[in-house]
N, C-alpha and C. Protein backbone atom coordinates (compact mmCIF):
# COMPACT_ATOMS: atom_id res chain seq x y z
N MET A 1 178.13 117.86 256.07
CA MET A 1 178.37 116.50 256.52
C MET A 1 177.95 115.52 255.41
N GLU A 2 178.82 114.61 255.11
CA GLU A 2 178.53 113.62 254.08
C GLU A 2 177.55 112.58 254.61
N LYS A 3 176.61 112.22 253.77
CA LYS A 3 175.60 111.24 254.17
C LYS A 3 176.03 109.85 253.70
N PRO A 4 175.58 108.79 254.40
CA PRO A 4 176.10 107.44 254.13
C PRO A 4 175.60 106.75 252.85
N ILE A 5 174.52 107.24 252.24
CA ILE A 5 173.99 106.59 251.04
C ILE A 5 174.33 107.44 249.82
N SER A 6 175.02 106.85 248.88
CA SER A 6 175.37 107.56 247.65
C SER A 6 174.18 107.57 246.69
N ARG A 7 174.26 108.42 245.68
CA ARG A 7 173.22 108.47 244.65
C ARG A 7 173.10 107.11 243.97
N GLN A 8 174.23 106.47 243.71
CA GLN A 8 174.23 105.18 243.04
C GLN A 8 173.54 104.12 243.91
N ALA A 9 173.87 104.09 245.19
CA ALA A 9 173.23 103.13 246.10
C ALA A 9 171.74 103.43 246.24
N HIS A 10 171.38 104.70 246.22
CA HIS A 10 169.97 105.08 246.32
C HIS A 10 169.18 104.48 245.16
N GLY A 11 169.77 104.49 243.97
CA GLY A 11 169.10 103.90 242.81
C GLY A 11 168.82 102.42 243.01
N ALA A 12 169.79 101.69 243.56
CA ALA A 12 169.59 100.27 243.83
C ALA A 12 168.47 100.06 244.86
N ILE A 13 168.46 100.91 245.88
CA ILE A 13 167.41 100.84 246.90
C ILE A 13 166.04 101.10 246.26
N ASP A 14 165.96 102.11 245.41
CA ASP A 14 164.69 102.45 244.77
C ASP A 14 164.15 101.32 243.91
N TYR A 15 165.00 100.74 243.10
CA TYR A 15 164.53 99.66 242.22
C TYR A 15 164.15 98.42 243.02
N ALA A 16 164.86 98.14 244.12
CA ALA A 16 164.47 97.03 245.00
C ALA A 16 163.12 97.32 245.66
N TYR A 17 162.92 98.56 246.09
CA TYR A 17 161.64 99.00 246.67
C TYR A 17 160.52 98.80 245.65
N ALA A 18 160.76 99.24 244.42
CA ALA A 18 159.74 99.13 243.37
C ALA A 18 159.40 97.68 243.05
N ALA A 19 160.36 96.79 243.23
CA ALA A 19 160.13 95.37 242.96
C ALA A 19 159.43 94.67 244.12
N LEU A 20 159.68 95.10 245.35
CA LEU A 20 159.15 94.42 246.53
C LEU A 20 157.79 94.94 246.99
N VAL A 21 157.63 96.24 247.07
CA VAL A 21 156.44 96.83 247.70
C VAL A 21 155.12 96.39 247.06
N PRO A 22 155.02 96.25 245.74
CA PRO A 22 153.74 95.80 245.17
C PRO A 22 153.32 94.39 245.61
N PHE A 23 154.28 93.59 246.07
CA PHE A 23 153.98 92.22 246.50
C PHE A 23 153.76 92.09 248.01
N LEU A 24 153.86 93.19 248.73
CA LEU A 24 153.65 93.14 250.18
C LEU A 24 152.26 92.65 250.59
N PRO A 25 151.19 92.99 249.85
CA PRO A 25 149.89 92.47 250.27
C PRO A 25 149.86 90.94 250.36
N GLU A 26 150.56 90.27 249.46
CA GLU A 26 150.62 88.81 249.51
C GLU A 26 151.64 88.34 250.56
N LEU A 27 152.78 89.00 250.60
CA LEU A 27 153.84 88.59 251.53
C LEU A 27 153.48 88.83 252.98
N ALA A 28 152.75 89.92 253.25
CA ALA A 28 152.39 90.26 254.64
C ALA A 28 150.93 89.94 254.95
N SER A 29 150.27 89.24 254.04
CA SER A 29 148.90 88.75 254.25
C SER A 29 147.87 89.85 254.51
N TYR A 30 147.86 90.86 253.64
CA TYR A 30 146.80 91.86 253.75
C TYR A 30 146.16 92.16 252.39
N LYS A 31 146.15 91.19 251.49
CA LYS A 31 145.62 91.44 250.15
C LYS A 31 144.11 91.70 250.15
N LYS A 32 143.40 91.29 251.20
CA LYS A 32 141.96 91.57 251.28
C LYS A 32 141.67 92.98 251.79
N GLU A 33 142.69 93.65 252.29
CA GLU A 33 142.55 95.04 252.75
C GLU A 33 142.76 95.92 251.52
N LYS A 34 141.66 96.23 250.81
CA LYS A 34 141.73 96.85 249.48
C LYS A 34 142.55 98.14 249.44
N ASN A 35 142.28 99.08 250.34
CA ASN A 35 143.00 100.35 250.31
C ASN A 35 144.50 100.15 250.48
N ALA A 36 144.89 99.28 251.39
CA ALA A 36 146.31 99.03 251.63
C ALA A 36 146.95 98.31 250.45
N ALA A 37 146.24 97.35 249.87
CA ALA A 37 146.78 96.61 248.73
C ALA A 37 146.95 97.53 247.52
N ILE A 38 145.95 98.36 247.25
CA ILE A 38 146.04 99.29 246.12
C ILE A 38 147.18 100.27 246.35
N LEU A 39 147.29 100.79 247.57
CA LEU A 39 148.36 101.73 247.88
C LEU A 39 149.73 101.08 247.68
N SER A 40 149.90 99.85 248.10
CA SER A 40 151.17 99.16 247.92
C SER A 40 151.54 99.06 246.45
N ARG A 41 150.57 98.74 245.61
CA ARG A 41 150.83 98.64 244.17
C ARG A 41 151.17 100.03 243.59
N LEU A 42 150.45 101.05 244.05
CA LEU A 42 150.73 102.40 243.57
C LEU A 42 152.10 102.91 244.03
N LEU A 43 152.47 102.60 245.25
CA LEU A 43 153.78 103.02 245.75
C LEU A 43 154.90 102.38 244.94
N GLY A 44 154.78 101.09 244.68
CA GLY A 44 155.80 100.40 243.89
C GLY A 44 155.88 100.90 242.47
N GLY A 45 154.72 101.04 241.82
CA GLY A 45 154.68 101.53 240.45
C GLY A 45 155.16 102.97 240.35
N GLY A 46 154.77 103.78 241.31
CA GLY A 46 155.21 105.18 241.32
C GLY A 46 156.71 105.29 241.51
N ALA A 47 157.26 104.50 242.41
CA ALA A 47 158.71 104.52 242.64
C ALA A 47 159.45 104.10 241.38
N LEU A 48 158.93 103.10 240.69
CA LEU A 48 159.56 102.66 239.44
C LEU A 48 159.51 103.78 238.41
N ALA A 49 158.38 104.45 238.30
CA ALA A 49 158.21 105.51 237.30
C ALA A 49 159.13 106.70 237.58
N TYR A 50 159.10 107.23 238.80
CA TYR A 50 159.91 108.43 239.02
C TYR A 50 161.40 108.09 239.16
N SER A 51 161.74 106.86 239.48
CA SER A 51 163.15 106.46 239.46
C SER A 51 163.66 106.40 238.02
N ALA A 52 162.85 105.87 237.14
CA ALA A 52 163.24 105.78 235.73
C ALA A 52 163.37 107.16 235.10
N LEU A 53 162.69 108.16 235.66
CA LEU A 53 162.73 109.52 235.10
C LEU A 53 163.76 110.43 235.77
N THR A 54 164.54 109.90 236.69
CA THR A 54 165.47 110.71 237.47
C THR A 54 166.81 110.90 236.74
N LYS A 55 167.33 112.13 236.88
CA LYS A 55 168.66 112.45 236.34
C LYS A 55 169.72 111.82 237.25
N ALA A 56 169.98 110.55 237.01
CA ALA A 56 170.98 109.80 237.76
C ALA A 56 171.49 108.69 236.86
N GLU A 57 172.55 108.05 237.28
CA GLU A 57 173.15 106.99 236.47
C GLU A 57 172.14 105.91 236.13
N TRP A 58 171.22 105.66 237.02
CA TRP A 58 170.25 104.58 236.87
C TRP A 58 168.92 105.04 236.28
N GLY A 59 168.79 106.32 235.98
CA GLY A 59 167.56 106.82 235.35
C GLY A 59 167.54 106.46 233.87
N LEU A 60 166.41 106.04 233.38
CA LEU A 60 166.29 105.68 231.97
C LEU A 60 166.06 106.91 231.10
N TYR A 61 165.23 107.82 231.58
CA TYR A 61 164.93 109.09 230.90
C TYR A 61 165.24 110.20 231.89
N LYS A 62 166.34 110.84 231.72
CA LYS A 62 166.86 111.77 232.72
C LYS A 62 166.16 113.12 232.64
N ILE A 63 165.02 113.22 233.35
CA ILE A 63 164.18 114.41 233.34
C ILE A 63 164.13 115.06 234.73
N LEU A 64 163.89 114.28 235.74
CA LEU A 64 163.66 114.77 237.11
C LEU A 64 165.00 114.96 237.84
N PRO A 65 165.29 116.19 238.31
CA PRO A 65 166.53 116.39 239.08
C PRO A 65 166.55 115.48 240.31
N PHE A 66 167.74 115.05 240.70
CA PHE A 66 167.87 114.12 241.81
C PHE A 66 167.32 114.70 243.11
N LYS A 67 167.53 115.99 243.35
CA LYS A 67 167.00 116.62 244.57
C LYS A 67 165.47 116.58 244.56
N ALA A 68 164.86 116.74 243.40
CA ALA A 68 163.39 116.63 243.30
C ALA A 68 162.97 115.18 243.56
N HIS A 69 163.75 114.23 243.07
CA HIS A 69 163.47 112.81 243.34
C HIS A 69 163.46 112.57 244.85
N LEU A 70 164.46 113.11 245.55
CA LEU A 70 164.52 112.93 247.01
C LEU A 70 163.32 113.59 247.70
N ALA A 71 162.87 114.72 247.18
CA ALA A 71 161.69 115.39 247.75
C ALA A 71 160.45 114.53 247.55
N VAL A 72 160.32 113.89 246.38
CA VAL A 72 159.20 112.98 246.14
C VAL A 72 159.29 111.80 247.09
N ASP A 73 160.49 111.22 247.22
CA ASP A 73 160.69 110.11 248.17
C ASP A 73 160.23 110.50 249.57
N LEU A 74 160.63 111.67 250.01
CA LEU A 74 160.29 112.12 251.35
C LEU A 74 158.77 112.26 251.52
N SER A 75 158.12 112.91 250.57
CA SER A 75 156.67 113.13 250.71
C SER A 75 155.88 111.83 250.59
N VAL A 76 156.29 110.96 249.68
CA VAL A 76 155.61 109.66 249.53
C VAL A 76 155.79 108.83 250.79
N SER A 77 156.98 108.88 251.37
CA SER A 77 157.24 108.11 252.59
C SER A 77 156.41 108.61 253.76
N LEU A 78 156.29 109.91 253.89
CA LEU A 78 155.44 110.46 254.96
C LEU A 78 153.98 110.07 254.76
N PHE A 79 153.53 110.07 253.50
CA PHE A 79 152.16 109.63 253.23
C PHE A 79 151.98 108.15 253.57
N ALA A 80 152.96 107.32 253.22
CA ALA A 80 152.87 105.89 253.53
C ALA A 80 152.76 105.66 255.04
N ILE A 81 153.52 106.43 255.81
CA ILE A 81 153.47 106.30 257.27
C ILE A 81 152.08 106.68 257.80
N ALA A 82 151.49 107.72 257.25
CA ALA A 82 150.18 108.19 257.71
C ALA A 82 149.01 107.43 257.09
N SER A 83 149.25 106.71 256.02
CA SER A 83 148.17 106.09 255.25
C SER A 83 147.24 105.16 256.02
N PRO A 84 147.71 104.36 256.98
CA PRO A 84 146.76 103.50 257.69
C PRO A 84 145.63 104.29 258.36
N TRP A 85 145.93 105.48 258.85
CA TRP A 85 144.92 106.29 259.52
C TRP A 85 144.15 107.14 258.51
N LEU A 86 144.83 107.61 257.50
CA LEU A 86 144.16 108.42 256.47
C LEU A 86 143.21 107.59 255.60
N LEU A 87 143.59 106.34 255.34
CA LEU A 87 142.81 105.50 254.43
C LEU A 87 141.97 104.44 255.16
N GLY A 88 141.98 104.47 256.48
CA GLY A 88 141.07 103.64 257.27
C GLY A 88 141.42 102.18 257.43
N PHE A 89 142.70 101.83 257.41
CA PHE A 89 143.04 100.43 257.65
C PHE A 89 143.99 100.25 258.83
N SER A 90 143.97 101.20 259.76
CA SER A 90 144.86 101.13 260.92
C SER A 90 144.55 99.94 261.82
N GLY A 91 143.35 99.40 261.74
CA GLY A 91 142.98 98.24 262.55
C GLY A 91 143.54 96.93 262.02
N ASN A 92 144.02 96.93 260.80
CA ASN A 92 144.62 95.73 260.21
C ASN A 92 146.13 95.77 260.51
N LYS A 93 146.53 94.97 261.49
CA LYS A 93 147.90 95.00 261.98
C LYS A 93 148.93 94.77 260.88
N GLN A 94 148.71 93.77 260.02
CA GLN A 94 149.67 93.46 258.97
C GLN A 94 149.82 94.61 257.99
N ALA A 95 148.68 95.14 257.53
CA ALA A 95 148.71 96.24 256.56
C ALA A 95 149.31 97.49 257.19
N ARG A 96 148.88 97.82 258.39
CA ARG A 96 149.39 99.01 259.08
C ARG A 96 150.90 98.92 259.25
N ASN A 97 151.37 97.81 259.80
CA ASN A 97 152.80 97.67 260.08
C ASN A 97 153.62 97.64 258.80
N ALA A 98 153.11 97.00 257.76
CA ALA A 98 153.85 96.92 256.49
C ALA A 98 153.99 98.31 255.87
N LEU A 99 152.90 99.08 255.84
CA LEU A 99 152.96 100.41 255.23
C LEU A 99 153.75 101.40 256.06
N VAL A 100 153.69 101.29 257.37
CA VAL A 100 154.53 102.15 258.22
C VAL A 100 156.00 101.78 258.01
N ALA A 101 156.31 100.50 257.93
CA ALA A 101 157.69 100.07 257.70
C ALA A 101 158.19 100.55 256.34
N VAL A 102 157.35 100.46 255.32
CA VAL A 102 157.71 100.95 253.98
C VAL A 102 157.99 102.45 254.06
N GLY A 103 157.13 103.18 254.75
CA GLY A 103 157.31 104.62 254.89
C GLY A 103 158.57 105.00 255.64
N VAL A 104 158.83 104.32 256.73
CA VAL A 104 160.03 104.61 257.51
C VAL A 104 161.28 104.26 256.71
N SER A 105 161.25 103.15 255.99
CA SER A 105 162.39 102.77 255.15
C SER A 105 162.66 103.82 254.08
N GLY A 106 161.60 104.25 253.42
CA GLY A 106 161.75 105.28 252.39
C GLY A 106 162.22 106.60 252.98
N LEU A 107 161.70 106.93 254.14
CA LEU A 107 162.10 108.17 254.82
C LEU A 107 163.60 108.14 255.15
N MET A 108 164.06 107.03 255.68
CA MET A 108 165.48 106.90 256.02
C MET A 108 166.34 106.97 254.76
N ALA A 109 165.92 106.29 253.71
CA ALA A 109 166.69 106.32 252.46
C ALA A 109 166.77 107.73 251.90
N SER A 110 165.67 108.47 251.97
CA SER A 110 165.69 109.83 251.43
C SER A 110 166.51 110.78 252.29
N LEU A 111 166.43 110.65 253.60
CA LEU A 111 167.16 111.55 254.50
C LEU A 111 168.65 111.23 254.59
N LEU A 112 169.01 109.98 254.33
CA LEU A 112 170.41 109.57 254.47
C LEU A 112 171.17 109.51 253.15
N THR A 113 170.55 109.99 252.09
CA THR A 113 171.20 109.99 250.77
C THR A 113 171.85 111.34 250.50
N GLU A 114 173.06 111.30 250.00
CA GLU A 114 173.78 112.49 249.60
C GLU A 114 173.03 113.14 248.43
N PRO A 115 172.57 114.39 248.57
CA PRO A 115 171.73 115.01 247.54
C PRO A 115 172.52 115.61 246.37
N GLU A 116 173.60 115.00 246.01
CA GLU A 116 174.48 115.49 244.96
C GLU A 116 173.89 115.18 243.59
N GLU A 117 173.71 116.25 242.78
CA GLU A 117 173.22 116.05 241.42
C GLU A 117 174.31 115.41 240.57
N MET A 118 173.90 114.68 239.56
CA MET A 118 174.84 114.04 238.63
C MET A 118 175.48 115.09 237.75
N ASP A 119 176.77 114.94 237.48
CA ASP A 119 177.51 115.84 236.60
C ASP A 119 176.89 115.79 235.20
N GLN A 120 176.54 116.93 234.66
CA GLN A 120 175.88 117.00 233.35
C GLN A 120 176.75 116.40 232.25
N ARG A 121 178.06 116.50 232.36
CA ARG A 121 178.95 115.97 231.32
C ARG A 121 178.90 114.45 231.28
N THR A 122 178.80 113.81 232.45
CA THR A 122 178.75 112.34 232.47
C THR A 122 177.35 111.82 232.23
N ALA A 123 176.36 112.69 232.32
CA ALA A 123 174.98 112.27 232.12
C ALA A 123 174.63 112.13 230.65
N GLY A 124 175.47 112.68 229.78
CA GLY A 124 175.17 112.63 228.36
C GLY A 124 174.08 113.61 227.97
N LEU A 125 173.91 114.67 228.76
CA LEU A 125 172.87 115.66 228.49
C LEU A 125 173.44 116.85 227.75
């Protein structure tokens, strides 16, 4: 069954995620919640790093296979969903809801993306 998000669209989603998530502590008013704020910055920076390293049209250094990228997306998203309880900020409604929403968004993007690897001939590899 074909999935609704293409590899190309996934790249746009990833770079938008990497640009937005680090600023969530200010946008959602939880910058004083240290664990949540640090995690938000790490999630955004990490997404930028592994997206740039992915073997896809939008990867800058094509090292990481796209299926591995999706596996990282999936695991990071599950961690983001669990993070309020694992890192002790579940009582902060803004931080909890923002990180759960980030996790669910990432989870949906990873599960709904067609896991088709990029053709090696068009990748310039």
